[in-house]
């Protein structure tokens, strides 16, 4: 099975939770994609070294309409808060994280 890391347009948010399992990243992505107007995907791992104590995913990208008219903003925030409470804080994703 392969993962699609393609991000064709700039995302609004790129987040990482360093100990979040791959399956939970996929669950978060699926929940976000249920919000009208939201696109979400997975970012590639930052390290080429496999470590059982680290996530197998680099992070999560989220894209949604800009502006005050986006009705799904609170849903996106609620979804992210739900997973933050269970798995720990989200951090901004950076290409320099190893």
Protein backbone atom coordinates (compact mmCIF):
# COMPACT_ATOMS: atom_id res chain seq x y z
CA UNK A 1 0.00 0.00 0.00
CA UNK A 2 1.35 3.45 -0.86
CA UNK A 3 0.47 6.82 0.60
CA UNK A 4 -0.23 9.88 -1.53
CA UNK A 5 1.74 12.82 -0.17
CA UNK A 6 0.91 15.11 -3.09
CA UNK A 7 0.04 18.66 -2.11
CA UNK A 8 -0.74 20.60 -5.28
CA UNK A 9 -1.74 23.91 -3.67
CA UNK A 10 -0.46 25.62 -0.54
CA UNK A 11 -2.27 24.28 2.56
CA UNK A 12 -3.72 26.58 5.22
CA UNK A 13 -2.29 24.45 8.04
CA UNK A 14 0.47 21.90 8.33
CA UNK A 15 0.55 20.16 11.70
CA UNK A 16 2.45 17.37 13.39
CA UNK A 17 1.97 15.33 16.55
CA UNK A 18 5.22 13.43 17.01
CA UNK A 19 3.83 10.29 18.66
CA UNK A 20 0.56 10.02 16.75
CA UNK A 21 0.25 6.60 15.05
CA UNK A 22 -0.33 6.34 11.30
CA UNK A 23 -3.84 4.94 11.81
CA UNK A 24 -4.84 7.95 13.93
CA UNK A 25 -3.42 10.39 11.36
CA UNK A 26 -5.60 8.66 8.77
CA UNK A 27 -8.60 8.92 11.10
CA UNK A 28 -8.03 12.66 11.63
CA UNK A 29 -7.67 13.14 7.88
CA UNK A 30 -10.93 11.26 7.23
CA UNK A 31 -12.81 13.31 9.83
CA UNK A 32 -11.52 16.58 8.38
CA UNK A 33 -12.46 15.53 4.84
CA UNK A 34 -16.08 15.17 5.98
CA UNK A 35 -16.27 18.94 6.56
CA UNK A 36 -17.59 20.66 3.42
CA UNK A 37 -14.83 22.55 1.61
CA UNK A 38 -11.95 20.93 3.52
CA UNK A 39 -9.15 18.95 1.92
CA UNK A 40 -6.62 17.09 4.05
CA UNK A 41 -3.69 14.78 3.48
CA UNK A 42 -0.58 13.28 4.99
CA UNK A 43 2.96 14.64 4.81
CA UNK A 44 5.96 12.37 4.27
CA UNK A 45 8.11 11.31 7.22
CA UNK A 46 10.96 13.69 8.09
CA UNK A 47 13.53 11.02 8.87
CA UNK A 48 14.71 8.14 6.73
CA UNK A 49 15.51 6.20 9.91
CA UNK A 50 12.68 4.05 11.24
CA UNK A 51 11.98 4.48 14.95
CA UNK A 52 9.15 2.63 16.71
CA UNK A 53 8.81 5.55 19.15
CA UNK A 54 8.16 8.10 16.39
CA UNK A 55 5.27 8.50 14.00
CA UNK A 56 5.50 6.92 10.55
CA UNK A 57 4.05 10.13 9.09
CA UNK A 58 5.62 13.56 8.87
CA UNK A 59 2.40 15.42 9.55
CA UNK A 60 -1.00 16.49 8.30
CA UNK A 61 -1.86 19.21 5.79
CA UNK A 62 -5.25 20.92 5.79
CA UNK A 63 -6.67 23.23 3.13
CA UNK A 64 -9.96 25.12 3.41
CA UNK A 65 -11.55 28.24 1.93
CA UNK A 66 -10.08 31.55 3.08
CA UNK A 67 -12.15 34.28 4.65
CA UNK A 68 -14.86 34.79 7.21
CA UNK A 69 -17.48 33.01 5.10
CA UNK A 70 -16.04 29.52 5.76
CA UNK A 71 -18.71 27.90 7.94
CA UNK A 72 -16.63 24.79 8.66
CA UNK A 73 -13.87 26.58 10.57
CA UNK A 74 -15.33 25.71 13.98
CA UNK A 75 -15.76 22.05 12.93
CA UNK A 76 -12.10 21.88 11.89
CA UNK A 77 -11.05 23.39 15.22
CA UNK A 78 -13.28 20.95 17.16
CA UNK A 79 -11.83 17.94 15.33
CA UNK A 80 -8.26 19.06 15.99
CA UNK A 81 -9.09 19.78 19.63
CA UNK A 82 -10.64 16.32 20.06
CA UNK A 83 -7.40 14.64 18.94
CA UNK A 84 -5.22 17.11 20.87
CA UNK A 85 -6.99 16.16 24.10
CA UNK A 86 -6.40 12.44 23.46
CA UNK A 87 -2.94 12.40 21.90
CA UNK A 88 -1.18 15.65 22.83
CA UNK A 89 -0.56 19.05 21.35
CA UNK A 90 -0.31 19.73 17.64
CA UNK A 91 2.82 21.53 16.50
CA UNK A 92 3.40 23.47 13.29
CA UNK A 93 5.07 21.20 10.74
CA UNK A 94 8.51 22.24 9.54
CA UNK A 95 10.83 20.70 7.01
CA UNK A 96 13.65 21.12 9.54
CA UNK A 97 12.13 18.77 12.17
CA UNK A 98 14.05 15.48 12.44
